[in-house]
PDB file of all heavy atoms in Angstrom:
ATOM      1  N   LEU A   1      -0.934  -5.479   4.229  1.00  0.00           N
ATOM      2  CA  LEU A   1      -2.072  -4.930   3.594  1.00  0.00           C
ATOM      3  C   LEU A   1      -1.873  -3.382   3.435  1.00  0.00           C
ATOM      4  O   LEU A   1      -2.164  -3.044   2.260  1.00  0.00           O
ATOM      5  CB  LEU A   1      -3.383  -5.082   4.611  1.00  0.00           C
ATOM      6  CG  LEU A   1      -3.932  -6.512   4.760  1.00  0.00           C
ATOM      7  CD1 LEU A   1      -5.037  -6.559   5.671  1.00  0.00           C
ATOM      8  CD2 LEU A   1      -4.327  -7.141   3.329  1.00  0.00           C
ATOM      9  N   VAL A   2      -1.309  -2.787   4.355  1.00  0.00           N
ATOM     10  CA  VAL A   2      -0.931  -1.343   4.014  1.00  0.00           C
ATOM     11  C   VAL A   2       0.051  -1.292   2.920  1.00  0.00           C
ATOM     12  O   VAL A   2      -0.107  -0.323   1.995  1.00  0.00           O
ATOM     13  CB  VAL A   2      -0.393  -0.639   5.373  1.00  0.00           C
ATOM     14  CG1 VAL A   2       0.213   0.732   4.981  1.00  0.00           C
ATOM     15  CG2 VAL A   2      -1.437  -0.594   6.481  1.00  0.00           C
ATOM     16  N   LEU A   3       1.065  -2.067   2.830  1.00  0.00           N
ATOM     17  CA  LEU A   3       1.945  -2.092   1.711  1.00  0.00           C
ATOM     18  C   LEU A   3       1.381  -2.268   0.492  1.00  0.00           C
ATOM     19  O   LEU A   3       1.649  -1.676  -0.563  1.00  0.00           O
ATOM     20  CB  LEU A   3       3.156  -3.069   1.990  1.00  0.00           C
ATOM     21  CG  LEU A   3       4.179  -3.047   0.934  1.00  0.00           C
ATOM     22  CD1 LEU A   3       4.961  -1.788   0.821  1.00  0.00           C
ATOM     23  CD2 LEU A   3       5.133  -4.233   1.113  1.00  0.00           C
ATOM     24  N   ILE A   4       0.367  -3.272   0.331  1.00  0.00           N
ATOM     25  CA  ILE A   4      -0.370  -3.654  -0.867  1.00  0.00           C
ATOM     26  C   ILE A   4      -1.168  -2.353  -1.256  1.00  0.00           C
ATOM     27  O   ILE A   4      -1.262  -2.037  -2.439  1.00  0.00           O
ATOM     28  CB  ILE A   4      -1.177  -4.970  -0.733  1.00  0.00           C
ATOM     29  CG1 ILE A   4      -0.337  -6.013  -0.552  1.00  0.00           C
ATOM     30  CG2 ILE A   4      -2.136  -5.035  -1.849  1.00  0.00           C
ATOM     31  CD1 ILE A   4      -1.068  -7.379  -0.151  1.00  0.00           C
ATOM     32  N   LEU A   5      -1.821  -1.668  -0.315  1.00  0.00           N
ATOM     33  CA  LEU A   5      -2.631  -0.605  -0.627  1.00  0.00           C
ATOM     34  C   LEU A   5      -1.856   0.471  -1.044  1.00  0.00           C
ATOM     35  O   LEU A   5      -2.290   1.197  -2.097  1.00  0.00           O
ATOM     36  CB  LEU A   5      -3.382  -0.201   0.611  1.00  0.00           C
ATOM     37  CG  LEU A   5      -4.382   0.876   0.458  1.00  0.00           C
ATOM     38  CD1 LEU A   5      -5.541   0.620  -0.417  1.00  0.00           C
ATOM     39  CD2 LEU A   5      -5.078   1.302   1.800  1.00  0.00           C
ATOM     40  N   VAL A   6      -0.740   0.816  -0.642  1.00  0.00           N
ATOM     41  CA  VAL A   6       0.198   1.845  -1.042  1.00  0.00           C
ATOM     42  C   VAL A   6       0.754   1.522  -2.525  1.00  0.00           C
ATOM     43  O   VAL A   6       0.569   2.548  -3.353  1.00  0.00           O
ATOM     44  CB  VAL A   6       1.350   2.024  -0.038  1.00  0.00           C
ATOM     45  CG1 VAL A   6       2.400   2.915  -0.682  1.00  0.00           C
ATOM     46  CG2 VAL A   6       0.820   2.595   1.167  1.00  0.00           C
ATOM     47  N   ILE A   7       1.129   0.321  -2.702  1.00  0.00           N
ATOM     48  CA  ILE A   7       1.382  -0.085  -4.048  1.00  0.00           C
ATOM     49  C   ILE A   7       0.338   0.059  -5.144  1.00  0.00           C
ATOM     50  O   ILE A   7       0.625   0.657  -6.195  1.00  0.00           O
ATOM     51  CB  ILE A   7       2.103  -1.308  -4.081  1.00  0.00           C
ATOM     52  CG1 ILE A   7       3.418  -1.430  -3.344  1.00  0.00           C
ATOM     53  CG2 ILE A   7       2.317  -1.881  -5.507  1.00  0.00           C
ATOM     54  CD1 ILE A   7       3.976  -2.835  -3.021  1.00  0.00           C
ATOM     55  N   ALA A   8      -0.811  -0.404  -4.784  1.00  0.00           N
ATOM     56  CA  ALA A   8      -2.034  -0.199  -5.678  1.00  0.00           C
ATOM     57  C   ALA A   8      -2.292   1.289  -5.951  1.00  0.00           C
ATOM     58  O   ALA A   8      -2.647   1.665  -7.003  1.00  0.00           O
ATOM     59  CB  ALA A   8      -3.376  -0.887  -5.085  1.00  0.00           C
ATOM     60  N   LEU A   9      -2.096   2.016  -4.880  1.00  0.00           N
ATOM     61  CA  LEU A   9      -2.451   3.548  -5.058  1.00  0.00           C
ATOM     62  C   LEU A   9      -1.453   4.181  -5.959  1.00  0.00           C
ATOM     63  O   LEU A   9      -1.844   5.105  -6.785  1.00  0.00           O
ATOM     64  CB  LEU A   9      -2.365   4.179  -3.665  1.00  0.00           C
ATOM     65  CG  LEU A   9      -2.791   5.689  -3.475  1.00  0.00           C
ATOM     66  CD1 LEU A   9      -4.266   5.820  -3.924  1.00  0.00           C
ATOM     67  CD2 LEU A   9      -2.680   6.223  -2.123  1.00  0.00           C
ATOM     68  N   ILE A  10      -0.189   3.741  -5.802  1.00  0.00           N
ATOM     69  CA  ILE A  10       0.855   4.334  -6.760  1.00  0.00           C
ATOM     70  C   ILE A  10       0.591   3.897  -8.157  1.00  0.00           C
ATOM     71  O   ILE A  10       0.730   4.648  -9.191  1.00  0.00           O
ATOM     72  CB  ILE A  10       2.292   3.937  -6.189  1.00  0.00           C
ATOM     73  CG1 ILE A  10       2.671   4.625  -4.954  1.00  0.00           C
ATOM     74  CG2 ILE A  10       3.232   4.175  -7.290  1.00  0.00           C
ATOM     75  CD1 ILE A  10       3.851   4.155  -4.270  1.00  0.00           C
ATOM     76  N   ILE A  11       0.274   2.550  -8.247  1.00  0.00           N
ATOM     77  CA  ILE A  11       0.020   2.066  -9.662  1.00  0.00           C
ATOM     78  C   ILE A  11      -1.109   2.502 -10.344  1.00  0.00           C
ATOM     79  O   ILE A  11      -1.144   2.948 -11.513  1.00  0.00           O
ATOM     80  CB  ILE A  11       0.086   0.567  -9.676  1.00  0.00           C
ATOM     81  CG1 ILE A  11       1.470  -0.047  -9.325  1.00  0.00           C
ATOM     82  CG2 ILE A  11      -0.323  -0.178 -10.996  1.00  0.00           C
ATOM     83  CD1 ILE A  11       1.520  -1.595  -9.021  1.00  0.00           C
ATOM     84  N   PHE A  12      -2.297   2.515  -9.658  1.00  0.00           N
ATOM     85  CA  PHE A  12      -3.519   2.760 -10.353  1.00  0.00           C
ATOM     86  C   PHE A  12      -4.018   4.349 -10.060  1.00  0.00           C
ATOM     87  O   PHE A  12      -4.876   4.856 -10.805  1.00  0.00           O
ATOM     88  CB  PHE A  12      -4.647   1.936  -9.834  1.00  0.00           C
ATOM     89  CG  PHE A  12      -4.413   0.454 -10.172  1.00  0.00           C
ATOM     90  CD1 PHE A  12      -4.009  -0.498  -9.227  1.00  0.00           C
ATOM     91  CD2 PHE A  12      -4.442   0.136 -11.444  1.00  0.00           C
ATOM     92  CE1 PHE A  12      -3.793  -1.777  -9.556  1.00  0.00           C
ATOM     93  CE2 PHE A  12      -4.296  -1.160 -11.760  1.00  0.00           C
ATOM     94  CZ  PHE A  12      -3.999  -2.198 -10.824  1.00  0.00           C
ATOM     95  N   GLY A  13      -3.453   4.852  -9.132  1.00  0.00           N
ATOM     96  CA  GLY A  13      -3.917   6.383  -8.810  1.00  0.00           C
ATOM     97  C   GLY A  13      -5.068   6.356  -8.065  1.00  0.00           C
ATOM     98  O   GLY A  13      -5.866   5.445  -7.913  1.00  0.00           O
ATOM     99  N   PRO A  14      -5.393   7.538  -7.342  1.00  0.00           N
ATOM    100  CA  PRO A  14      -6.510   7.645  -6.445  1.00  0.00           C
ATOM    101  C   PRO A  14      -7.839   7.572  -7.074  1.00  0.00           C
ATOM    102  O   PRO A  14      -8.925   7.265  -6.404  1.00  0.00           O
ATOM    103  CB  PRO A  14      -6.193   9.037  -5.740  1.00  0.00           C
ATOM    104  CG  PRO A  14      -5.457   9.814  -6.586  1.00  0.00           C
ATOM    105  CD  PRO A  14      -4.622   8.786  -7.376  1.00  0.00           C
ATOM    106  N   LYS A  15      -7.996   7.938  -8.493  1.00  0.00           N
ATOM    107  CA  LYS A  15      -9.250   8.040  -9.059  1.00  0.00           C
ATOM    108  C   LYS A  15      -9.661   6.699  -9.544  1.00  0.00           C
ATOM    109  O   LYS A  15     -10.842   6.249  -9.533  1.00  0.00           O
ATOM    110  CB  LYS A  15      -9.118   9.010 -10.319  1.00  0.00           C
ATOM    111  CG  LYS A  15      -9.070  10.355  -9.840  1.00  0.00           C
ATOM    112  CD  LYS A  15      -8.992  11.270 -11.098  1.00  0.00           C
ATOM    113  CE  LYS A  15      -8.770  12.738 -10.538  1.00  0.00           C
ATOM    114  NZ  LYS A  15      -8.839  13.634 -11.728  1.00  0.00           N
ATOM    115  N   LYS A  16      -8.715   5.760  -9.877  1.00  0.00           N
ATOM    116  CA  LYS A  16      -9.088   4.356 -10.370  1.00  0.00           C
ATOM    117  C   LYS A  16      -9.278   3.421  -9.218  1.00  0.00           C
ATOM    118  O   LYS A  16      -9.790   2.430  -9.450  1.00  0.00           O
ATOM    119  CB  LYS A  16      -7.977   3.928 -11.271  1.00  0.00           C
ATOM    120  CG  LYS A  16      -8.070   4.655 -12.650  1.00  0.00           C
ATOM    121  CD  LYS A  16      -9.151   4.020 -13.466  1.00  0.00           C
ATOM    122  CE  LYS A  16      -9.063   4.809 -14.897  1.00  0.00           C
ATOM    123  NZ  LYS A  16     -10.079   4.391 -15.642  1.00  0.00           N
ATOM    124  N   LEU A  17      -8.740   3.707  -8.038  1.00  0.00           N
ATOM    125  CA  LEU A  17      -8.757   2.735  -6.915  1.00  0.00           C
ATOM    126  C   LEU A  17     -10.169   2.366  -6.447  1.00  0.00           C
ATOM    127  O   LEU A  17     -10.395   1.259  -6.244  1.00  0.00           O
ATOM    128  CB  LEU A  17      -7.998   3.246  -5.772  1.00  0.00           C
ATOM    129  CG  LEU A  17      -7.240   2.232  -4.875  1.00  0.00           C
ATOM    130  CD1 LEU A  17      -6.352   1.281  -5.597  1.00  0.00           C
ATOM    131  CD2 LEU A  17      -6.526   2.877  -3.727  1.00  0.00           C
ATOM    132  N   PRO A  18     -11.060   3.330  -6.325  1.00  0.00           N
ATOM    133  CA  PRO A  18     -12.482   2.964  -6.051  1.00  0.00           C
ATOM    134  C   PRO A  18     -13.133   2.059  -7.124  1.00  0.00           C
ATOM    135  O   PRO A  18     -13.868   1.043  -6.802  1.00  0.00           O
ATOM    136  CB  PRO A  18     -13.179   4.156  -5.767  1.00  0.00           C
ATOM    137  CG  PRO A  18     -12.180   5.167  -5.498  1.00  0.00           C
ATOM    138  CD  PRO A  18     -10.885   4.737  -6.301  1.00  0.00           C
ATOM    139  N   GLU A  19     -12.963   2.281  -8.334  1.00  0.00           N
ATOM    140  CA  GLU A  19     -13.342   1.479  -9.434  1.00  0.00           C
ATOM    141  C   GLU A  19     -12.807   0.057  -9.382  1.00  0.00           C
ATOM    142  O   GLU A  19     -13.562  -0.941  -9.619  1.00  0.00           O
ATOM    143  CB  GLU A  19     -13.087   2.132 -10.835  1.00  0.00           C
ATOM    144  CG  GLU A  19     -13.746   3.467 -10.975  1.00  0.00           C
ATOM    145  CD  GLU A  19     -13.370   4.230 -12.268  1.00  0.00           C
ATOM    146  OE1 GLU A  19     -12.774   3.421 -13.117  1.00  0.00           O
ATOM    147  OE2 GLU A  19     -13.571   5.453 -12.377  1.00  0.00           O
ATOM    148  N   LEU A  20     -11.493   0.050  -9.138  1.00  0.00           N
ATOM    149  CA  LEU A  20     -10.868  -1.264  -9.005  1.00  0.00           C
ATOM    150  C   LEU A  20     -11.416  -2.097  -7.910  1.00  0.00           C
ATOM    151  O   LEU A  20     -11.756  -3.226  -8.079  1.00  0.00           O
ATOM    152  CB  LEU A  20      -9.361  -1.127  -8.842  1.00  0.00           C
ATOM    153  CG  LEU A  20      -8.537  -2.315  -8.896  1.00  0.00           C
ATOM    154  CD1 LEU A  20      -8.594  -2.987 -10.243  1.00  0.00           C
ATOM    155  CD2 LEU A  20      -7.076  -1.966  -8.631  1.00  0.00           C
ATOM    156  N   GLY A  21     -11.598  -1.488  -6.802  1.00  0.00           N
ATOM    157  CA  GLY A  21     -12.329  -2.125  -5.585  1.00  0.00           C
ATOM    158  C   GLY A  21     -13.637  -2.639  -5.874  1.00  0.00           C
ATOM    159  O   GLY A  21     -14.047  -3.706  -5.466  1.00  0.00           O
ATOM    160  N   LYS A  22     -14.485  -1.754  -6.523  1.00  0.00           N
ATOM    161  CA  LYS A  22     -15.786  -2.254  -6.908  1.00  0.00           C
ATOM    162  C   LYS A  22     -15.684  -3.375  -7.831  1.00  0.00           C
ATOM    163  O   LYS A  22     -16.500  -4.346  -7.666  1.00  0.00           O
ATOM    164  CB  LYS A  22     -16.541  -1.048  -7.561  1.00  0.00           C
ATOM    165  CG  LYS A  22     -17.992  -1.396  -7.989  1.00  0.00           C
ATOM    166  CD  LYS A  22     -18.616  -0.006  -8.581  1.00  0.00           C
ATOM    167  CE  LYS A  22     -20.126  -0.400  -8.913  1.00  0.00           C
ATOM    168  NZ  LYS A  22     -20.728   0.667  -9.657  1.00  0.00           N
ATOM    169  N   ALA A  23     -14.943  -3.296  -8.774  1.00  0.00           N
ATOM    170  CA  ALA A  23     -14.775  -4.531  -9.762  1.00  0.00           C
ATOM    171  C   ALA A  23     -14.284  -5.745  -9.063  1.00  0.00           C
ATOM    172  O   ALA A  23     -14.809  -6.849  -9.295  1.00  0.00           O
ATOM    173  CB  ALA A  23     -13.826  -4.114 -10.845  1.00  0.00           C
ATOM    174  N   VAL A  24     -13.395  -5.699  -8.128  1.00  0.00           N
ATOM    175  CA  VAL A  24     -12.934  -6.888  -7.355  1.00  0.00           C
ATOM    176  C   VAL A  24     -14.113  -7.357  -6.436  1.00  0.00           C
ATOM    177  O   VAL A  24     -14.380  -8.501  -6.454  1.00  0.00           O
ATOM    178  CB  VAL A  24     -11.855  -6.566  -6.516  1.00  0.00           C
ATOM    179  CG1 VAL A  24     -11.504  -7.564  -5.580  1.00  0.00           C
ATOM    180  CG2 VAL A  24     -10.609  -6.284  -7.385  1.00  0.00           C
ATOM    181  N   GLY A  25     -14.912  -6.527  -5.899  1.00  0.00           N
ATOM    182  CA  GLY A  25     -16.010  -6.861  -5.109  1.00  0.00           C
ATOM    183  C   GLY A  25     -17.123  -7.612  -5.908  1.00  0.00           C
ATOM    184  O   GLY A  25     -17.679  -8.686  -5.441  1.00  0.00           O
ATOM    185  N   GLN A  26     -17.408  -7.137  -7.132  1.00  0.00           N
ATOM    186  CA  GLN A  26     -18.382  -7.677  -7.986  1.00  0.00           C
ATOM    187  C   GLN A  26     -17.933  -9.132  -8.355  1.00  0.00           C
ATOM    188  O   GLN A  26     -18.620 -10.015  -8.540  1.00  0.00           O
ATOM    189  CB  GLN A  26     -18.759  -6.908  -9.152  1.00  0.00           C
ATOM    190  CG  GLN A  26     -19.508  -5.576  -8.814  1.00  0.00           C
ATOM    191  CD  GLN A  26     -19.634  -4.646  -9.960  1.00  0.00           C
ATOM    192  OE1 GLN A  26     -18.959  -4.820 -11.010  1.00  0.00           O
ATOM    193  NE2 GLN A  26     -20.552  -3.719  -9.873  1.00  0.00           N
ATOM    194  N   THR A  27     -16.643  -9.191  -8.659  1.00  0.00           N
ATOM    195  CA  THR A  27     -16.023 -10.519  -9.160  1.00  0.00           C
ATOM    196  C   THR A  27     -16.222 -11.547  -8.026  1.00  0.00           C
ATOM    197  O   THR A  27     -16.617 -12.688  -8.285  1.00  0.00           O
ATOM    198  CB  THR A  27     -14.565 -10.324  -9.570  1.00  0.00           C
ATOM    199  OG1 THR A  27     -14.486  -9.281 -10.599  1.00  0.00           O
ATOM    200  CG2 THR A  27     -13.951 -11.624 -10.128  1.00  0.00           C
ATOM    201  N   LEU A  28     -15.886 -11.199  -6.867  1.00  0.00           N
ATOM    202  CA  LEU A  28     -15.891 -12.052  -5.681  1.00  0.00           C
ATOM    203  C   LEU A  28     -17.280 -12.440  -5.386  1.00  0.00           C
ATOM    204  O   LEU A  28     -17.623 -13.686  -5.001  1.00  0.00           O
ATOM    205  CB  LEU A  28     -15.245 -11.416  -4.399  1.00  0.00           C
ATOM    206  CG  LEU A  28     -13.775 -11.260  -4.392  1.00  0.00           C
ATOM    207  CD1 LEU A  28     -13.292 -10.518  -3.251  1.00  0.00           C
ATOM    208  CD2 LEU A  28     -13.150 -12.678  -4.472  1.00  0.00           C
ATOM    209  N   ARG A  29     -18.325 -11.563  -5.563  1.00  0.00           N
ATOM    210  CA  ARG A  29     -19.599 -11.781  -5.273  1.00  0.00           C
ATOM    211  C   ARG A  29     -20.234 -12.822  -6.357  1.00  0.00           C
ATOM    212  O   ARG A  29     -20.929 -13.793  -6.053  1.00  0.00           O
ATOM    213  CB  ARG A  29     -20.601 -10.461  -5.437  1.00  0.00           C
ATOM    214  CG  ARG A  29     -21.868 -10.564  -4.989  1.00  0.00           C
ATOM    215  CD  ARG A  29     -22.712  -9.393  -4.978  1.00  0.00           C
ATOM    216  NE  ARG A  29     -21.913  -8.275  -4.295  1.00  0.00           N
ATOM    217  CZ  ARG A  29     -21.510  -7.241  -4.731  1.00  0.00           C
ATOM    218  NH1 ARG A  29     -21.749  -6.944  -6.111  1.00  0.00           N
ATOM    219  NH2 ARG A  29     -20.852  -6.155  -4.226  1.00  0.00           N
ATOM    220  N   GLU A  30     -19.733 -12.559  -7.664  1.00  0.00           N
ATOM    221  CA  GLU A  30     -20.139 -13.580  -8.678  1.00  0.00           C
ATOM    222  C   GLU A  30     -19.548 -14.947  -8.558  1.00  0.00           C
ATOM    223  O   GLU A  30     -20.170 -15.941  -8.670  1.00  0.00           O
ATOM    224  CB  GLU A  30     -19.744 -13.043  -9.970  1.00  0.00           C
ATOM    225  CG  GLU A  30     -20.133 -13.880 -11.215  1.00  0.00           C
ATOM    226  CD  GLU A  30     -21.698 -13.986 -11.418  1.00  0.00           C
ATOM    227  OE1 GLU A  30     -22.435 -13.147 -10.958  1.00  0.00           O
ATOM    228  OE2 GLU A  30     -22.125 -15.031 -11.850  1.00  0.00           O
ATOM    229  N   PHE A  31     -18.301 -14.980  -8.017  1.00  0.00           N
ATOM    230  CA  PHE A  31     -17.612 -16.340  -7.862  1.00  0.00           C
ATOM    231  C   PHE A  31     -18.257 -17.047  -6.682  1.00  0.00           C
ATOM    232  O   PHE A  31     -18.523 -18.204  -6.737  1.00  0.00           O
ATOM    233  CB  PHE A  31     -16.141 -15.977  -7.509  1.00  0.00           C
ATOM    234  CG  PHE A  31     -15.335 -17.217  -7.039  1.00  0.00           C
ATOM    235  CD1 PHE A  31     -15.120 -18.056  -8.112  1.00  0.00           C
ATOM    236  CD2 PHE A  31     -15.181 -17.473  -5.819  1.00  0.00           C
ATOM    237  CE1 PHE A  31     -14.262 -19.199  -7.750  1.00  0.00           C
ATOM    238  CE2 PHE A  31     -14.374 -18.577  -5.495  1.00  0.00           C
ATOM    239  CZ  PHE A  31     -13.973 -19.557  -6.503  1.00  0.00           C
ATOM    240  N   LYS A  32     -18.615 -16.237  -5.617  1.00  0.00           N
ATOM    241  CA  LYS A  32     -19.344 -16.833  -4.457  1.00  0.00           C
ATOM    242  C   LYS A  32     -20.735 -17.412  -4.815  1.00  0.00           C
ATOM    243  O   LYS A  32     -21.135 -18.564  -4.428  1.00  0.00           O
ATOM    244  CB  LYS A  32     -19.483 -15.861  -3.307  1.00  0.00           C
ATOM    245  CG  LYS A  32     -19.990 -16.397  -2.086  1.00  0.00           C
ATOM    246  CD  LYS A  32     -20.066 -15.200  -1.009  1.00  0.00           C
ATOM    247  CE  LYS A  32     -20.684 -15.777   0.332  1.00  0.00           C
ATOM    248  NZ  LYS A  32     -20.725 -14.617   1.299  1.00  0.00           N
ATOM    249  N   SER A  33     -21.393 -16.683  -5.660  1.00  0.00           N
ATOM    250  CA  SER A  33     -22.681 -17.072  -6.184  1.00  0.00           C
ATOM    251  C   SER A  33     -22.640 -18.294  -6.997  1.00  0.00           C
ATOM    252  O   SER A  33     -23.353 -19.390  -6.835  1.00  0.00           O
ATOM    253  CB  SER A  33     -23.470 -15.923  -6.841  1.00  0.00           C
ATOM    254  OG  SER A  33     -24.631 -16.497  -7.534  1.00  0.00           O
ATOM    255  N   SER A  34     -21.645 -18.400  -7.939  1.00  0.00           N
ATOM    256  CA  SER A  34     -21.465 -19.564  -8.694  1.00  0.00           C
ATOM    257  C   SER A  34     -20.985 -20.789  -7.974  1.00  0.00           C
ATOM    258  O   SER A  34     -21.494 -21.847  -8.261  1.00  0.00           O
ATOM    259  CB  SER A  34     -20.320 -19.243  -9.856  1.00  0.00           C
ATOM    260  OG  SER A  34     -20.751 -18.154 -10.597  1.00  0.00           O
ATOM    261  N   THR A  35     -20.104 -20.544  -6.923  1.00  0.00           N
ATOM    262  CA  THR A  35     -19.690 -21.702  -6.111  1.00  0.00           C
ATOM    263  C   THR A  35     -20.956 -22.209  -5.352  1.00  0.00           C
ATOM    264  O   THR A  35     -21.037 -23.426  -5.219  1.00  0.00           O
ATOM    265  CB  THR A  35     -18.605 -21.170  -5.096  1.00  0.00           C
ATOM    266  OG1 THR A  35     -17.555 -20.614  -5.965  1.00  0.00           O
ATOM    267  CG2 THR A  35     -18.081 -22.310  -4.309  1.00  0.00           C
ATOM    268  N   ARG A  36     -21.721 -21.321  -4.831  1.00  0.00           N
ATOM    269  CA  ARG A  36     -22.940 -21.748  -4.034  1.00  0.00           C
ATOM    270  C   ARG A  36     -23.870 -22.590  -4.904  1.00  0.00           C
ATOM    271  O   ARG A  36     -24.370 -23.645  -4.591  1.00  0.00           O
ATOM    272  CB  ARG A  36     -23.639 -20.552  -3.498  1.00  0.00           C
ATOM    273  CG  ARG A  36     -24.750 -21.010  -2.617  1.00  0.00           C
ATOM    274  CD  ARG A  36     -25.348 -19.819  -1.864  1.00  0.00           C
ATOM    275  NE  ARG A  36     -24.428 -19.029  -1.035  1.00  0.00           N
ATOM    276  CZ  ARG A  36     -24.153 -17.972  -0.956  1.00  0.00           C
ATOM    277  NH1 ARG A  36     -24.731 -17.019  -1.673  1.00  0.00           N
ATOM    278  NH2 ARG A  36     -23.190 -17.250  -0.021  1.00  0.00           N
ATOM    279  N   GLU A  37     -24.155 -22.132  -6.225  1.00  0.00           N
ATOM    280  CA  GLU A  37     -24.956 -22.803  -7.155  1.00  0.00           C
ATOM    281  C   GLU A  37     -24.339 -24.176  -7.515  1.00  0.00           C
ATOM    282  O   GLU A  37     -25.101 -25.242  -7.484  1.00  0.00           O
ATOM    283  CB  GLU A  37     -25.187 -21.997  -8.504  1.00  0.00           C
ATOM    284  CG  GLU A  37     -26.032 -20.853  -8.277  1.00  0.00           C
ATOM    285  CD  GLU A  37     -26.038 -19.998  -9.642  1.00  0.00           C
ATOM    286  OE1 GLU A  37     -25.782 -20.578 -10.693  1.00  0.00           O
ATOM    287  OE2 GLU A  37     -26.472 -18.910  -9.394  1.00  0.00           O
ATOM    288  N   LEU A  38     -23.125 -24.262  -7.696  1.00  0.00           N
ATOM    289  CA  LEU A  38     -22.384 -25.574  -8.007  1.00  0.00           C
ATOM    290  C   LEU A  38     -22.524 -26.488  -6.873  1.00  0.00           C
ATOM    291  O   LEU A  38     -22.814 -27.635  -6.961  1.00  0.00           O
ATOM    292  CB  LEU A  38     -20.950 -25.296  -8.391  1.00  0.00           C
ATOM    293  CG  LEU A  38     -20.160 -26.521  -8.853  1.00  0.00           C
ATOM    294  CD1 LEU A  38     -20.761 -27.128 -10.040  1.00  0.00           C
ATOM    295  CD2 LEU A  38     -18.675 -26.178  -8.998  1.00  0.00           C
ATOM    296  N   THR A  39     -22.214 -25.980  -5.627  1.00  0.00           N
ATOM    297  CA  THR A  39     -22.464 -26.874  -4.446  1.00  0.00           C
ATOM    298  C   THR A  39     -23.745 -27.385  -4.337  1.00  0.00           C
ATOM    299  O   THR A  39     -24.090 -28.538  -4.046  1.00  0.00           O
ATOM    300  CB  THR A  39     -22.034 -26.043  -3.210  1.00  0.00           C
ATOM    301  OG1 THR A  39     -20.645 -25.648  -3.410  1.00  0.00           O
ATOM    302  CG2 THR A  39     -22.157 -26.864  -1.894  1.00  0.00           C
ATOM    303  N   ASN A  40     -24.923 -26.595  -4.551  1.00  0.00           N
ATOM    304  CA  ASN A  40     -26.218 -26.934  -4.504  1.00  0.00           C
ATOM    305  C   ASN A  40     -26.441 -28.065  -5.538  1.00  0.00           C
ATOM    306  O   ASN A  40     -27.141 -28.955  -5.275  1.00  0.00           O
ATOM    307  CB  ASN A  40     -27.272 -25.738  -4.558  1.00  0.00           C
ATOM    308  CG  ASN A  40     -27.218 -24.947  -3.353  1.00  0.00           C
ATOM    309  OD1 ASN A  40     -26.853 -25.294  -2.306  1.00  0.00           O
ATOM    310  ND2 ASN A  40     -27.553 -23.605  -3.550  1.00  0.00           N
ATOM    311  N   ASP A  41     -26.021 -27.889  -6.734  1.00  0.00           N
ATOM    312  CA  ASP A  41     -26.341 -28.850  -7.890  1.00  0.00           C
ATOM    313  C   ASP A  41     -25.746 -30.090  -7.323  1.00  0.00           C
ATOM    314  O   ASP A  41     -26.306 -31.281  -7.684  1.00  0.00           O
ATOM    315  CB  ASP A  41     -25.790 -28.316  -9.151  1.00  0.00           C
ATOM    316  CG  ASP A  41     -26.512 -27.212  -9.706  1.00  0.00           C
ATOM    317  OD1 ASP A  41     -27.603 -26.922  -9.290  1.00  0.00           O
ATOM    318  OD2 ASP A  41     -26.004 -26.528 -10.602  1.00  0.00           O
TER     319      ASP A  41
END
């Protein structure tokens, strides 16, 4: 995990990393919501 974080920091830079994390979090939240809806259906 530390290696992945360091590589992401090098590739995206310190300013883009929080934005990238937020986007990944929103994507996972939407995926989880869609999965829950599909399961309920």
